[in-house]
Amino acid sequence: MMKIIEVDHVTKRFKNKLALNDVSFSIDAGKIYGFRGPNGSGKSVTFKTVLGFIRPNSGTVKVLGKKSARTSSLPRTPASRFLNTVCWKTKPAWKTSTCSKS
């Protein structure tokens, strides 16, 4: 089965703050996954790294088999933008809208 996303030993530091510590996982095509954890556990940093918005200090990220633009010297490719449909909201949708508005 094809791997849509592969995260391999990714570490990210912001000055003295360790945000991701040797994170590894893969997502198979046609599967639905959840990504959960307490505040400050690195969920957003992980997704921003997969999307190529943040460069990891070490490790590799592949989307559709190609290295993320931020983990290589290549320009951004359609594969690295594959997940740009992620919607970052500042307020939970349930506080500001109904199901029909979301």
N, C-alpha and C. Protein backbone atom coordinates (compact mmCIF):
# COMPACT_ATOMS: atom_id res chain seq x y z
N MET A 1 0.84 -1.18 0.00
CA MET A 1 0.00 0.00 0.00
C MET A 1 0.88 1.25 0.00
N MET A 2 0.48 2.24 -0.76
CA MET A 2 1.27 3.48 -0.88
C MET A 2 1.20 4.31 0.40
N LYS A 3 2.33 4.83 0.79
CA LYS A 3 2.40 5.74 1.93
C LYS A 3 2.15 7.16 1.43
N ILE A 4 1.15 7.81 1.97
CA ILE A 4 0.84 9.19 1.60
C ILE A 4 1.80 10.14 2.32
N ILE A 5 2.01 9.89 3.61
CA ILE A 5 2.90 10.72 4.43
C ILE A 5 3.86 9.79 5.17
N GLU A 6 5.14 10.17 5.17
CA GLU A 6 6.15 9.46 5.94
C GLU A 6 6.96 10.48 6.74
N VAL A 7 6.94 10.35 8.03
CA VAL A 7 7.72 11.20 8.93
C VAL A 7 8.73 10.29 9.60
N ASP A 8 10.02 10.59 9.43
CA ASP A 8 11.07 9.69 9.90
C ASP A 8 12.07 10.41 10.79
N HIS A 9 12.01 10.12 12.08
CA HIS A 9 12.95 10.65 13.08
C HIS A 9 13.06 12.18 13.02
N VAL A 10 11.93 12.84 13.02
CA VAL A 10 11.90 14.31 12.95
C VAL A 10 12.04 14.92 14.34
N THR A 11 12.97 15.86 14.43
CA THR A 11 13.17 16.63 15.65
C THR A 11 13.10 18.11 15.29
N LYS A 12 12.42 18.88 16.13
CA LYS A 12 12.33 20.33 15.92
C LYS A 12 12.52 21.05 17.25
N ARG A 13 13.43 22.02 17.24
CA ARG A 13 13.69 22.87 18.41
C ARG A 13 13.42 24.31 18.04
N PHE A 14 12.87 25.04 18.98
CA PHE A 14 12.73 26.50 18.87
C PHE A 14 13.56 27.07 20.01
N LYS A 15 14.76 27.55 19.69
CA LYS A 15 15.75 27.98 20.68
C LYS A 15 15.98 26.83 21.67
N ASN A 16 15.63 26.99 22.92
CA ASN A 16 15.86 25.94 23.92
C ASN A 16 14.65 25.04 24.13
N LYS A 17 13.56 25.26 23.39
CA LYS A 17 12.33 24.49 23.55
C LYS A 17 12.31 23.34 22.55
N LEU A 18 12.22 22.11 23.05
CA LEU A 18 12.13 20.93 22.21
C LEU A 18 10.65 20.71 21.88
N ALA A 19 10.27 20.93 20.63
CA ALA A 19 8.88 20.80 20.21
C ALA A 19 8.56 19.39 19.71
N LEU A 20 9.47 18.79 18.94
CA LEU A 20 9.32 17.42 18.45
C LEU A 20 10.59 16.66 18.75
N ASN A 21 10.46 15.48 19.30
CA ASN A 21 11.62 14.69 19.68
C ASN A 21 11.58 13.33 19.00
N ASP A 22 12.29 13.19 17.88
CA ASP A 22 12.43 11.92 17.18
C ASP A 22 11.08 11.31 16.81
N VAL A 23 10.21 12.09 16.16
CA VAL A 23 8.87 11.65 15.78
C VAL A 23 8.94 10.86 14.48
N SER A 24 8.31 9.69 14.46
CA SER A 24 8.23 8.86 13.27
C SER A 24 6.83 8.27 13.15
N PHE A 25 6.24 8.34 11.95
CA PHE A 25 4.98 7.68 11.65
C PHE A 25 4.76 7.71 10.14
N SER A 26 3.83 6.91 9.67
CA SER A 26 3.46 6.95 8.25
C SER A 26 1.95 6.79 8.15
N ILE A 27 1.41 7.31 7.06
CA ILE A 27 -0.03 7.24 6.80
C ILE A 27 -0.24 6.58 5.45
N ASP A 28 -1.00 5.51 5.44
CA ASP A 28 -1.29 4.77 4.22
C ASP A 28 -2.42 5.42 3.43
N ALA A 29 -2.38 5.26 2.12
CA ALA A 29 -3.45 5.76 1.25
C ALA A 29 -4.76 5.07 1.62
N GLY A 30 -5.84 5.84 1.58
CA GLY A 30 -7.17 5.29 1.81
C GLY A 30 -7.54 5.08 3.26
N LYS A 31 -6.71 5.49 4.17
CA LYS A 31 -6.97 5.33 5.60
C LYS A 31 -7.32 6.68 6.23
N ILE A 32 -8.05 6.64 7.32
CA ILE A 32 -8.38 7.84 8.08
C ILE A 32 -7.73 7.71 9.45
N TYR A 33 -7.00 8.74 9.84
CA TYR A 33 -6.28 8.73 11.11
C TYR A 33 -6.70 9.92 11.96
N GLY A 34 -6.59 9.75 13.26
CA GLY A 34 -6.77 10.86 14.20
C GLY A 34 -5.41 11.23 14.76
N PHE A 35 -5.29 12.48 15.16
CA PHE A 35 -4.02 12.96 15.71
C PHE A 35 -4.38 13.78 16.93
N ARG A 36 -4.15 13.22 18.10
CA ARG A 36 -4.60 13.91 19.30
C ARG A 36 -3.53 13.91 20.37
N GLY A 37 -3.69 14.84 21.30
CA GLY A 37 -2.77 14.94 22.42
C GLY A 37 -3.07 16.21 23.19
N PRO A 38 -2.50 16.35 24.35
CA PRO A 38 -2.75 17.55 25.16
C PRO A 38 -2.12 18.79 24.53
N ASN A 39 -2.54 19.96 25.02
CA ASN A 39 -1.96 21.22 24.56
C ASN A 39 -0.44 21.18 24.74
N GLY A 40 0.26 21.65 23.72
CA GLY A 40 1.72 21.71 23.80
C GLY A 40 2.43 20.41 23.47
N SER A 41 1.71 19.42 22.97
CA SER A 41 2.34 18.13 22.70
C SER A 41 2.98 18.04 21.31
N GLY A 42 2.82 19.07 20.47
CA GLY A 42 3.49 19.09 19.18
C GLY A 42 2.62 18.76 17.98
N LYS A 43 1.31 18.70 18.14
CA LYS A 43 0.42 18.36 17.02
C LYS A 43 0.53 19.38 15.89
N SER A 44 0.39 20.64 16.21
CA SER A 44 0.45 21.69 15.19
C SER A 44 1.83 21.78 14.55
N VAL A 45 2.87 21.67 15.35
CA VAL A 45 4.24 21.72 14.82
C VAL A 45 4.46 20.54 13.86
N THR A 46 3.94 19.38 14.21
CA THR A 46 4.07 18.22 13.32
C THR A 46 3.39 18.47 11.98
N PHE A 47 2.15 18.96 12.01
CA PHE A 47 1.44 19.22 10.75
C PHE A 47 2.10 20.33 9.95
N LYS A 48 2.55 21.37 10.61
CA LYS A 48 3.22 22.45 9.88
C LYS A 48 4.53 21.97 9.27
N THR A 49 5.18 21.02 9.91
CA THR A 49 6.40 20.43 9.35
C THR A 49 6.07 19.57 8.13
N VAL A 50 5.02 18.77 8.22
CA VAL A 50 4.59 17.96 7.08
C VAL A 50 4.21 18.85 5.90
N LEU A 51 3.53 19.96 6.18
CA LEU A 51 3.11 20.87 5.12
C LEU A 51 4.25 21.69 4.54
N GLY A 52 5.40 21.68 5.19
CA GLY A 52 6.55 22.42 4.68
C GLY A 52 6.62 23.85 5.17
N PHE A 53 5.79 24.20 6.15
CA PHE A 53 5.82 25.56 6.70
C PHE A 53 6.96 25.74 7.70
N ILE A 54 7.38 24.65 8.31
CA ILE A 54 8.46 24.67 9.31
C ILE A 54 9.51 23.65 8.89
N ARG A 55 10.77 24.03 9.02
CA ARG A 55 11.87 23.12 8.68
C ARG A 55 12.31 22.37 9.95
N PRO A 56 12.36 21.04 9.89
CA PRO A 56 12.84 20.30 11.07
C PRO A 56 14.34 20.46 11.24
N ASN A 57 14.81 20.33 12.47
CA ASN A 57 16.25 20.36 12.72
C ASN A 57 16.92 19.08 12.24
N SER A 58 16.20 17.98 12.31
CA SER A 58 16.72 16.71 11.79
C SER A 58 15.56 15.81 11.40
N GLY A 59 15.86 14.79 10.62
CA GLY A 59 14.85 13.86 10.16
C GLY A 59 14.32 14.24 8.78
N THR A 60 13.45 13.40 8.24
CA THR A 60 12.90 13.64 6.91
C THR A 60 11.38 13.52 6.92
N VAL A 61 10.77 14.26 6.01
CA VAL A 61 9.33 14.21 5.79
C VAL A 61 9.10 13.98 4.31
N LYS A 62 8.29 12.98 3.97
CA LYS A 62 7.94 12.72 2.57
C LYS A 62 6.42 12.78 2.43
N VAL A 63 5.98 13.44 1.36
CA VAL A 63 4.57 13.48 1.00
C VAL A 63 4.47 12.91 -0.41
N LEU A 64 3.65 11.88 -0.57
CA LEU A 64 3.52 11.17 -1.85
C LEU A 64 4.88 10.70 -2.38
N GLY A 65 5.75 10.28 -1.47
CA GLY A 65 7.04 9.72 -1.85
C GLY A 65 8.13 10.73 -2.13
N LYS A 66 7.81 12.03 -2.05
CA LYS A 66 8.82 13.06 -2.32
C LYS A 66 9.12 13.82 -1.04
N LYS A 67 10.40 14.16 -0.88
CA LYS A 67 10.79 14.93 0.29
C LYS A 67 10.08 16.26 0.33
N SER A 68 9.67 16.65 1.53
CA SER A 68 9.06 17.96 1.71
C SER A 68 10.06 19.03 1.30
N ALA A 69 9.56 20.12 0.75
CA ALA A 69 10.44 21.19 0.27
C ALA A 69 11.34 21.73 1.38
N ARG A 70 10.84 21.74 2.59
CA ARG A 70 11.63 22.28 3.69
C ARG A 70 12.67 21.31 4.23
N THR A 71 12.63 20.05 3.79
CA THR A 71 13.66 19.11 4.23
C THR A 71 14.63 18.80 3.10
N SER A 72 14.49 19.51 1.98
CA SER A 72 15.42 19.32 0.86
C SER A 72 15.70 20.69 0.24
N SER A 73 16.58 20.71 -0.74
CA SER A 73 16.89 21.96 -1.41
C SER A 73 16.00 22.19 -2.64
N LEU A 74 15.02 21.31 -2.84
CA LEU A 74 14.13 21.43 -4.00
C LEU A 74 13.08 22.50 -3.77
N PRO A 75 12.59 23.13 -4.85
CA PRO A 75 11.48 24.07 -4.68
C PRO A 75 10.22 23.32 -4.28
N ARG A 76 9.23 24.04 -3.77
CA ARG A 76 7.97 23.40 -3.37
C ARG A 76 7.34 22.74 -4.58
N THR A 77 6.87 21.53 -4.39
CA THR A 77 6.26 20.77 -5.46
C THR A 77 4.78 20.57 -5.15
N PRO A 78 3.98 20.16 -6.15
CA PRO A 78 2.57 19.85 -5.87
C PRO A 78 2.44 18.81 -4.76
N ALA A 79 3.38 17.86 -4.70
CA ALA A 79 3.30 16.85 -3.64
C ALA A 79 3.46 17.46 -2.27
N SER A 80 4.34 18.46 -2.13
CA SER A 80 4.53 19.07 -0.81
C SER A 80 3.37 19.96 -0.42
N ARG A 81 2.52 20.31 -1.39
CA ARG A 81 1.33 21.10 -1.10
C ARG A 81 0.07 20.26 -1.01
N PHE A 82 0.23 18.94 -1.08
CA PHE A 82 -0.89 18.01 -1.10
C PHE A 82 -1.86 18.23 0.05
N LEU A 83 -1.34 18.53 1.22
CA LEU A 83 -2.18 18.66 2.40
C LEU A 83 -2.56 20.10 2.74
N ASN A 84 -2.41 21.03 1.83
CA ASN A 84 -2.71 22.43 2.12
C ASN A 84 -4.19 22.70 2.30
N THR A 85 -5.01 21.67 2.34
CA THR A 85 -6.43 21.86 2.59
C THR A 85 -6.73 21.91 4.08
N VAL A 86 -5.69 21.79 4.90
CA VAL A 86 -5.89 21.86 6.35
C VAL A 86 -6.38 23.26 6.71
N CYS A 87 -7.41 23.32 7.53
CA CYS A 87 -7.99 24.60 7.94
C CYS A 87 -7.55 24.91 9.36
N TRP A 88 -6.79 25.96 9.54
CA TRP A 88 -6.35 26.36 10.87
C TRP A 88 -7.33 27.40 11.38
N LYS A 89 -8.04 27.09 12.45
CA LYS A 89 -9.04 27.99 13.01
C LYS A 89 -8.53 28.52 14.35
N THR A 90 -8.89 29.76 14.63
CA THR A 90 -8.49 30.33 15.92
C THR A 90 -9.51 30.02 17.00
N LYS A 91 -10.76 29.75 16.63
CA LYS A 91 -11.80 29.36 17.58
C LYS A 91 -12.39 28.04 17.14
N PRO A 92 -12.78 27.21 18.10
CA PRO A 92 -13.44 25.97 17.69
C PRO A 92 -14.70 26.26 16.88
N ALA A 93 -14.91 25.50 15.82
CA ALA A 93 -16.05 25.73 14.94
C ALA A 93 -17.37 25.62 15.68
N TRP A 94 -17.45 24.74 16.67
CA TRP A 94 -18.71 24.56 17.36
C TRP A 94 -19.12 25.78 18.17
N LYS A 95 -18.19 26.69 18.45
CA LYS A 95 -18.52 27.90 19.20
C LYS A 95 -19.05 29.00 18.29
N THR A 96 -18.72 28.95 17.00
CA THR A 96 -19.04 30.06 16.11
C THR A 96 -19.98 29.71 14.96
N SER A 97 -20.27 28.42 14.76
CA SER A 97 -21.11 28.08 13.62
C SER A 97 -21.89 26.80 13.88
N THR A 98 -22.85 26.55 13.00
CA THR A 98 -23.60 25.31 13.05
C THR A 98 -23.00 24.33 12.07
N CYS A 99 -23.49 23.10 12.07
CA CYS A 99 -22.98 22.10 11.13
C CYS A 99 -23.17 22.56 9.68
N SER A 100 -24.28 23.22 9.40
CA SER A 100 -24.53 23.65 8.03
C SER A 100 -23.59 24.75 7.59
N LYS A 101 -23.03 25.52 8.53
CA LYS A 101 -22.08 26.59 8.19
C LYS A 101 -20.66 26.08 8.05
N SER A 102 -20.34 24.96 8.67
CA SER A 102 -18.97 24.44 8.65
C SER A 102 -18.67 23.74 7.44
